[in-house]
Amino acid sequence: MIITVFTGNQPRHTALIESLASVAERVYAVVECSTLFPGKVADTFRRSEVMQRYFDRVISAEHQVFGRSRFLPDNVRSLPLKAGDLNELGMDVFNDSLQADIFVIFGASYIKGPLVEHLVSRRACNIHMGISPYYRGSSCNFWALYDRRPDLVGATIHLLSKGLDSGPMLCHALPAAEPVDPFVLGMKAVRAAHAALVDLISSGEIADLEPVIQDKTSQIRYTRNADFTDAVAEEYLLNAPEPDEIHRALMVRDPSLFLRCRLF
């Protein structure tokens, strides 16, 4: 089996590539690179004292769950790109990677043009970190926690579409219920998404699941990077839910809100 993945360069992205490489003969990894030090180095998010404090917590949680940056497995061929350059490339750049058996998108920039047309036609799967259709856009699990909804922290595996996070859904993946730091909960939701996707691929179920159209009338929030301001980050750092509050919320999740829910 050959898998092509469009992803990022953070440890959580590397962990997905490693998981896919464990069930594939070869993985083509198109890796969009951004700073490993958000908040400290201006990149996707602004540089400020509060952003540095916030992302110090994010980075610490990511290292706890996924380890640090590292080299990729031997059966991975990688194409590193600067974040935002993906749509400027011609299709010929991707060569054999476009003939893979499975296509996965996780943490890549918004894909447009002939590339998204090809990926949609090949039933590419996207990992959306957030429970669709309730939370869509960027930083969805942050906003679920901000709204005091730890029960809606998780991931949606859906078919790629031309719209942002709007494709028909295959399943939801959730982290196990436990008293946990909110930043670690977000990373454990990522780990649950990886495990769910690899399970679908290795079992062959991914080809047979009937996708379900998202009910956009159920949307709670649609957010963009610009919504995550210094003031919002500061407020959250002062008022983030405690581990016991998170545990109580996870213990009483409503199963009817989720599609083919997979718990890891």
Foldseek 3Di string as FASTA:
>chain_A
DEEEEEAEQWLLRLVLLQLVVVQDQAYEYEYAYDDNQPLCDDDLDHNDPLRNVLVVLLSVLLCVQRNGGDDHDPRYHYHYDHAPCVQVDDPVVCPPNLVGLAYEYEHHPQHDDPVLVSQLVNQYKYKAQWQPPAEFAPPRLVVCQVVLQLLGGAIWIFTDDNDGVFGFTQWIFAEAQFQDDSSNRNNSRSVRSSVVVSVCVNVVVSVPGDTHGTDNVNYNDHDYSVVCDSVSSVVCVVPGDGSVSSNVNNVPRDVVSIDPYHYD
